[in-house]
Amino acid sequence: MESITTARRTEDIALDLLKFVAAQANVGSKGAGSTGFGVTATTKPEDQVTYLLELYARCRQAVEAPGSSK
């Protein structure tokens, strides 16, 4: 049961990290990113979704990286 709890916690942390990074880079917002990173307003919605999914995968990798636990 502990592994399920740990996995869920890792997913939650990765999701919080995704939200933070996306907000800082204005990813998914209607205006162009002021940081120069992320998705621009002219990007198709399908491309934005793909980018967000890739970013989430990268966030999970970062959270699950060796040395990040305990």
PDB file of N, CA and C in Angstrom:
ATOM      1  N   MET A   1       0.823  -1.202   0.000  1.00  0.00           N
ATOM      2  CA  MET A   1       0.000   0.000   0.000  1.00  0.00           C
ATOM      3  C   MET A   1       0.861   1.258   0.000  1.00  0.00           C
ATOM      4  N   GLU A   2       2.011   1.169   0.648  1.00  0.00           N
ATOM      5  CA  GLU A   2       2.878   2.345   0.722  1.00  0.00           C
ATOM      6  C   GLU A   2       3.366   2.778  -0.657  1.00  0.00           C
ATOM      7  N   SER A   3       3.648   1.825  -1.549  1.00  0.00           N
ATOM      8  CA  SER A   3       4.141   2.186  -2.878  1.00  0.00           C
ATOM      9  C   SER A   3       3.075   2.941  -3.665  1.00  0.00           C
ATOM     10  N   ILE A   4       1.801   2.612  -3.473  1.00  0.00           N
ATOM     11  CA  ILE A   4       0.725   3.332  -4.149  1.00  0.00           C
ATOM     12  C   ILE A   4       0.666   4.763  -3.628  1.00  0.00           C
ATOM     13  N   THR A   5       0.791   4.930  -2.332  1.00  0.00           N
ATOM     14  CA  THR A   5       0.778   6.257  -1.727  1.00  0.00           C
ATOM     15  C   THR A   5       1.969   7.062  -2.215  1.00  0.00           C
ATOM     16  N   THR A   6       3.145   6.450  -2.249  1.00  0.00           N
ATOM     17  CA  THR A   6       4.340   7.140  -2.707  1.00  0.00           C
ATOM     18  C   THR A   6       4.210   7.532  -4.165  1.00  0.00           C
ATOM     19  N   ALA A   7       3.695   6.627  -5.001  1.00  0.00           N
ATOM     20  CA  ALA A   7       3.529   6.929  -6.422  1.00  0.00           C
ATOM     21  C   ALA A   7       2.555   8.087  -6.599  1.00  0.00           C
ATOM     22  N   ARG A   8       1.486   8.078  -5.883  1.00  0.00           N
ATOM     23  CA  ARG A   8       0.504   9.158  -5.990  1.00  0.00           C
ATOM     24  C   ARG A   8       1.119  10.479  -5.535  1.00  0.00           C
ATOM     25  N   ARG A   9       1.891  10.418  -4.476  1.00  0.00           N
ATOM     26  CA  ARG A   9       2.532  11.632  -3.977  1.00  0.00           C
ATOM     27  C   ARG A   9       3.506  12.174  -5.017  1.00  0.00           C
ATOM     28  N   THR A  10       4.261  11.312  -5.664  1.00  0.00           N
ATOM     29  CA  THR A  10       5.187  11.728  -6.710  1.00  0.00           C
ATOM     30  C   THR A  10       4.430  12.397  -7.849  1.00  0.00           C
ATOM     31  N   GLU A  11       3.305  11.823  -8.236  1.00  0.00           N
ATOM     32  CA  GLU A  11       2.492  12.407  -9.303  1.00  0.00           C
ATOM     33  C   GLU A  11       1.971  13.783  -8.897  1.00  0.00           C
ATOM     34  N   ASP A  12       1.553  13.904  -7.656  1.00  0.00           N
ATOM     35  CA  ASP A  12       1.060  15.199  -7.166  1.00  0.00           C
ATOM     36  C   ASP A  12       2.159  16.260  -7.172  1.00  0.00           C
ATOM     37  N   ILE A  13       3.338  15.876  -6.744  1.00  0.00           N
ATOM     38  CA  ILE A  13       4.457  16.815  -6.724  1.00  0.00           C
ATOM     39  C   ILE A  13       4.809  17.237  -8.145  1.00  0.00           C
ATOM     40  N   ALA A  14       4.836  16.268  -9.056  1.00  0.00           N
ATOM     41  CA  ALA A  14       5.136  16.578 -10.458  1.00  0.00           C
ATOM     42  C   ALA A  14       4.075  17.501 -11.042  1.00  0.00           C
ATOM     43  N   LEU A  15       2.816  17.290 -10.690  1.00  0.00           N
ATOM     44  CA  LEU A  15       1.741  18.149 -11.184  1.00  0.00           C
ATOM     45  C   LEU A  15       1.881  19.564 -10.631  1.00  0.00           C
ATOM     46  N   ASP A  16       2.228  19.686  -9.361  1.00  0.00           N
ATOM     47  CA  ASP A  16       2.455  21.013  -8.777  1.00  0.00           C
ATOM     48  C   ASP A  16       3.628  21.711  -9.462  1.00  0.00           C
ATOM     49  N   LEU A  17       4.683  20.952  -9.753  1.00  0.00           N
ATOM     50  CA  LEU A  17       5.824  21.522 -10.454  1.00  0.00           C
ATOM     51  C   LEU A  17       5.429  21.977 -11.855  1.00  0.00           C
ATOM     52  N   LEU A  18       4.631  21.169 -12.541  1.00  0.00           N
ATOM     53  CA  LEU A  18       4.138  21.542 -13.871  1.00  0.00           C
ATOM     54  C   LEU A  18       3.342  22.844 -13.805  1.00  0.00           C
ATOM     55  N   LYS A  19       2.460  22.955 -12.832  1.00  0.00           N
ATOM     56  CA  LYS A  19       1.647  24.170 -12.692  1.00  0.00           C
ATOM     57  C   LYS A  19       2.533  25.391 -12.461  1.00  0.00           C
ATOM     58  N   PHE A  20       3.544  25.223 -11.619  1.00  0.00           N
ATOM     59  CA  PHE A  20       4.449  26.333 -11.337  1.00  0.00           C
ATOM     60  C   PHE A  20       5.214  26.752 -12.589  1.00  0.00           C
ATOM     61  N   VAL A  21       5.819  25.782 -13.275  1.00  0.00           N
ATOM     62  CA  VAL A  21       6.610  26.088 -14.469  1.00  0.00           C
ATOM     63  C   VAL A  21       5.721  26.689 -15.548  1.00  0.00           C
ATOM     64  N   ALA A  22       4.541  26.105 -15.758  1.00  0.00           N
ATOM     65  CA  ALA A  22       3.632  26.617 -16.786  1.00  0.00           C
ATOM     66  C   ALA A  22       3.203  28.045 -16.474  1.00  0.00           C
ATOM     67  N   ALA A  23       2.943  28.350 -15.207  1.00  0.00           N
ATOM     68  CA  ALA A  23       2.537  29.707 -14.830  1.00  0.00           C
ATOM     69  C   ALA A  23       3.685  30.694 -15.037  1.00  0.00           C
ATOM     70  N   GLN A  24       4.897  30.295 -14.690  1.00  0.00           N
ATOM     71  CA  GLN A  24       6.045  31.184 -14.831  1.00  0.00           C
ATOM     72  C   GLN A  24       6.375  31.457 -16.301  1.00  0.00           C
ATOM     73  N   ALA A  25       6.139  30.464 -17.157  1.00  0.00           N
ATOM     74  CA  ALA A  25       6.454  30.604 -18.577  1.00  0.00           C
ATOM     75  C   ALA A  25       5.233  31.013 -19.397  1.00  0.00           C
ATOM     76  N   ASN A  26       4.114  31.275 -18.731  1.00  0.00           N
ATOM     77  CA  ASN A  26       2.856  31.630 -19.392  1.00  0.00           C
ATOM     78  C   ASN A  26       2.421  30.569 -20.409  1.00  0.00           C
ATOM     79  N   VAL A  27       2.696  29.321 -20.124  1.00  0.00           N
ATOM     80  CA  VAL A  27       2.286  28.225 -21.003  1.00  0.00           C
ATOM     81  C   VAL A  27       0.785  28.041 -20.865  1.00  0.00           C
ATOM     82  N   GLY A  28       0.108  27.983 -21.983  1.00  0.00           N
ATOM     83  CA  GLY A  28      -1.332  27.774 -21.963  1.00  0.00           C
ATOM     84  C   GLY A  28      -2.140  29.049 -21.819  1.00  0.00           C
ATOM     85  N   SER A  29      -1.460  30.173 -21.598  1.00  0.00           N
ATOM     86  CA  SER A  29      -2.208  31.430 -21.493  1.00  0.00           C
ATOM     87  C   SER A  29      -2.440  31.995 -22.889  1.00  0.00           C
ATOM     88  N   LYS A  30      -3.361  32.914 -22.989  1.00  0.00           N
ATOM     89  CA  LYS A  30      -3.703  33.479 -24.288  1.00  0.00           C
ATOM     90  C   LYS A  30      -2.640  34.438 -24.806  1.00  0.00           C
ATOM     91  N   GLY A  31      -1.893  35.062 -23.902  1.00  0.00           N
ATOM     92  CA  GLY A  31      -0.844  35.993 -24.311  1.00  0.00           C
ATOM     93  C   GLY A  31       0.465  35.267 -24.539  1.00  0.00           C
ATOM     94  N   ALA A  32       1.357  35.893 -25.273  1.00  0.00           N
ATOM     95  CA  ALA A  32       2.670  35.306 -25.520  1.00  0.00           C
ATOM     96  C   ALA A  32       3.479  35.312 -24.235  1.00  0.00           C
ATOM     97  N   GLY A  33       4.324  34.314 -24.082  1.00  0.00           N
ATOM     98  CA  GLY A  33       5.151  34.208 -22.895  1.00  0.00           C
ATOM     99  C   GLY A  33       6.148  35.346 -22.810  1.00  0.00           C
ATOM    100  N   SER A  34       6.173  35.998 -21.681  1.00  0.00           N
ATOM    101  CA  SER A  34       7.077  37.130 -21.511  1.00  0.00           C
ATOM    102  C   SER A  34       8.500  36.660 -21.264  1.00  0.00           C
ATOM    103  N   THR A  35       8.669  35.403 -20.895  1.00  0.00           N
ATOM    104  CA  THR A  35       9.995  34.893 -20.592  1.00  0.00           C
ATOM    105  C   THR A  35      10.722  34.417 -21.831  1.00  0.00           C
ATOM    106  N   GLY A  36      10.001  34.248 -22.939  1.00  0.00           N
ATOM    107  CA  GLY A  36      10.625  33.722 -24.140  1.00  0.00           C
ATOM    108  C   GLY A  36      10.576  32.218 -24.197  1.00  0.00           C
ATOM    109  N   PHE A  37      10.036  31.592 -23.173  1.00  0.00           N
ATOM    110  CA  PHE A  37       9.903  30.142 -23.125  1.00  0.00           C
ATOM    111  C   PHE A  37       8.439  29.771 -23.274  1.00  0.00           C
ATOM    112  N   GLY A  38       8.204  28.514 -23.544  1.00  0.00           N
ATOM    113  CA  GLY A  38       6.835  28.020 -23.549  1.00  0.00           C
ATOM    114  C   GLY A  38       6.165  28.088 -24.895  1.00  0.00           C
ATOM    115  N   VAL A  39       4.854  28.149 -24.862  1.00  0.00           N
ATOM    116  CA  VAL A  39       4.021  28.079 -26.052  1.00  0.00           C
ATOM    117  C   VAL A  39       3.501  29.467 -26.366  1.00  0.00           C
ATOM    118  N   THR A  40       3.576  29.858 -27.618  1.00  0.00           N
ATOM    119  CA  THR A  40       3.088  31.183 -28.005  1.00  0.00           C
ATOM    120  C   THR A  40       1.589  31.138 -28.274  1.00  0.00           C
ATOM    121  N   ALA A  41       0.998  32.310 -28.406  1.00  0.00           N
ATOM    122  CA  ALA A  41      -0.446  32.404 -28.631  1.00  0.00           C
ATOM    123  C   ALA A  41      -0.849  31.843 -29.985  1.00  0.00           C
ATOM    124  N   THR A  42       0.082  31.783 -30.932  1.00  0.00           N
ATOM    125  CA  THR A  42      -0.245  31.287 -32.268  1.00  0.00           C
ATOM    126  C   THR A  42      -0.164  29.766 -32.364  1.00  0.00           C
ATOM    127  N   THR A  43       0.270  29.101 -31.316  1.00  0.00           N
ATOM    128  CA  THR A  43       0.381  27.649 -31.314  1.00  0.00           C
ATOM    129  C   THR A  43      -1.008  27.018 -31.273  1.00  0.00           C
ATOM    130  N   LYS A  44      -1.185  25.962 -32.055  1.00  0.00           N
ATOM    131  CA  LYS A  44      -2.468  25.260 -32.082  1.00  0.00           C
ATOM    132  C   LYS A  44      -2.733  24.598 -30.732  1.00  0.00           C
ATOM    133  N   PRO A  45      -3.999  24.478 -30.339  1.00  0.00           N
ATOM    134  CA  PRO A  45      -4.330  23.840 -29.059  1.00  0.00           C
ATOM    135  C   PRO A  45      -3.765  22.425 -28.931  1.00  0.00           C
ATOM    136  N   GLU A  46      -3.741  21.678 -30.028  1.00  0.00           N
ATOM    137  CA  GLU A  46      -3.206  20.315 -29.985  1.00  0.00           C
ATOM    138  C   GLU A  46      -1.720  20.329 -29.637  1.00  0.00           C
ATOM    139  N   ASP A  47      -1.009  21.315 -30.180  1.00  0.00           N
ATOM    140  CA  ASP A  47       0.416  21.437 -29.889  1.00  0.00           C
ATOM    141  C   ASP A  47       0.645  21.866 -28.443  1.00  0.00           C
ATOM    142  N   GLN A  48      -0.239  22.722 -27.929  1.00  0.00           N
ATOM    143  CA  GLN A  48      -0.134  23.136 -26.527  1.00  0.00           C
ATOM    144  C   GLN A  48      -0.324  21.943 -25.604  1.00  0.00           C
ATOM    145  N   VAL A  49      -1.299  21.093 -25.911  1.00  0.00           N
ATOM    146  CA  VAL A  49      -1.549  19.901 -25.091  1.00  0.00           C
ATOM    147  C   VAL A  49      -0.343  18.973 -25.137  1.00  0.00           C
ATOM    148  N   THR A  50       0.190  18.768 -26.325  1.00  0.00           N
ATOM    149  CA  THR A  50       1.370  17.910 -26.470  1.00  0.00           C
ATOM    150  C   THR A  50       2.529  18.466 -25.659  1.00  0.00           C
ATOM    151  N   TYR A  51       2.735  19.769 -25.726  1.00  0.00           N
ATOM    152  CA  TYR A  51       3.814  20.410 -24.980  1.00  0.00           C
ATOM    153  C   TYR A  51       3.615  20.231 -23.470  1.00  0.00           C
ATOM    154  N   LEU A  52       2.388  20.421 -23.006  1.00  0.00           N
ATOM    155  CA  LEU A  52       2.114  20.268 -21.576  1.00  0.00           C
ATOM    156  C   LEU A  52       2.334  18.831 -21.119  1.00  0.00           C
ATOM    157  N   LEU A  53       1.935  17.859 -21.937  1.00  0.00           N
ATOM    158  CA  LEU A  53       2.158  16.455 -21.578  1.00  0.00           C
ATOM    159  C   LEU A  53       3.651  16.124 -21.522  1.00  0.00           C
ATOM    160  N   GLU A  54       4.414  16.663 -22.471  1.00  0.00           N
ATOM    161  CA  GLU A  54       5.864  16.458 -22.455  1.00  0.00           C
ATOM    162  C   GLU A  54       6.487  17.127 -21.236  1.00  0.00           C
ATOM    163  N   LEU A  55       6.003  18.309 -20.907  1.00  0.00           N
ATOM    164  CA  LEU A  55       6.508  19.022 -19.738  1.00  0.00           C
ATOM    165  C   LEU A  55       6.181  18.257 -18.459  1.00  0.00           C
ATOM    166  N   TYR A  56       4.988  17.676 -18.374  1.00  0.00           N
ATOM    167  CA  TYR A  56       4.620  16.874 -17.205  1.00  0.00           C
ATOM    168  C   TYR A  56       5.540  15.666 -17.081  1.00  0.00           C
ATOM    169  N   ALA A  57       5.834  15.012 -18.204  1.00  0.00           N
ATOM    170  CA  ALA A  57       6.743  13.858 -18.172  1.00  0.00           C
ATOM    171  C   ALA A  57       8.119  14.277 -17.654  1.00  0.00           C
ATOM    172  N   ARG A  58       8.583  15.436 -18.081  1.00  0.00           N
ATOM    173  CA  ARG A  58       9.873  15.938 -17.609  1.00  0.00           C
ATOM    174  C   ARG A  58       9.824  16.269 -16.118  1.00  0.00           C
ATOM    175  N   CYS A  59       8.704  16.800 -15.662  1.00  0.00           N
ATOM    176  CA  CYS A  59       8.538  17.098 -14.232  1.00  0.00           C
ATOM    177  C   CYS A  59       8.568  15.812 -13.418  1.00  0.00           C
ATOM    178  N   ARG A  60       7.897  14.767 -13.910  1.00  0.00           N
ATOM    179  CA  ARG A  60       7.918  13.476 -13.213  1.00  0.00           C
ATOM    180  C   ARG A  60       9.323  12.916 -13.157  1.00  0.00           C
ATOM    181  N   GLN A  61      10.057  13.020 -14.247  1.00  0.00           N
ATOM    182  CA  GLN A  61      11.441  12.545 -14.251  1.00  0.00           C
ATOM    183  C   GLN A  61      12.271  13.290 -13.203  1.00  0.00           C
ATOM    184  N   ALA A  62      12.071  14.576 -13.123  1.00  0.00           N
ATOM    185  CA  ALA A  62      12.817  15.380 -12.160  1.00  0.00           C
ATOM    186  C   ALA A  62      12.475  14.985 -10.724  1.00  0.00           C
ATOM    187  N   VAL A  63      11.205  14.729 -10.471  1.00  0.00           N
ATOM    188  CA  VAL A  63      10.772  14.367  -9.121  1.00  0.00           C
ATOM    189  C   VAL A  63      11.244  12.950  -8.760  1.00  0.00           C
ATOM    190  N   GLU A  64      11.245  12.060  -9.739  1.00  0.00           N
ATOM    191  CA  GLU A  64      11.595  10.660  -9.500  1.00  0.00           C
ATOM    192  C   GLU A  64      13.086  10.380  -9.682  1.00  0.00           C
ATOM    193  N   ALA A  65      13.878  11.407  -9.978  1.00  0.00           N
ATOM    194  CA  ALA A  65      15.310  11.224 -10.239  1.00  0.00           C
ATOM    195  C   ALA A  65      16.008  10.586  -9.033  1.00  0.00           C
ATOM    196  N   PRO A  66      16.998   9.741  -9.311  1.00  0.00           N
ATOM    197  CA  PRO A  66      17.771   9.155  -8.201  1.00  0.00           C
ATOM    198  C   PRO A  66      18.371  10.251  -7.334  1.00  0.00           C
ATOM    199  N   GLY A  67      18.323  10.053  -6.054  1.00  0.00           N
ATOM    200  CA  GLY A  67      18.855  11.044  -5.140  1.00  0.00           C
ATOM    201  C   GLY A  67      17.822  12.048  -4.680  1.00  0.00           C
ATOM    202  N   SER A  68      16.641  12.063  -5.308  1.00  0.00           N
ATOM    203  CA  SER A  68      15.618  13.021  -4.901  1.00  0.00           C
ATOM    204  C   SER A  68      14.781  12.491  -3.745  1.00  0.00           C
ATOM    205  N   SER A  69      14.897  11.185  -3.466  1.00  0.00           N
ATOM    206  CA  SER A  69      14.117  10.620  -2.360  1.00  0.00           C
ATOM    207  C   SER A  69      14.990  10.496  -1.133  1.00  0.00           C
ATOM    208  N   LYS A  70      14.421  10.842   0.011  1.00  0.00           N
ATOM    209  CA  LYS A  70      15.048  10.731   1.322  1.00  0.00           C
ATOM    210  C   LYS A  70      16.485  11.109   1.276  1.00  0.00           C
TER     211      LYS A  70
END
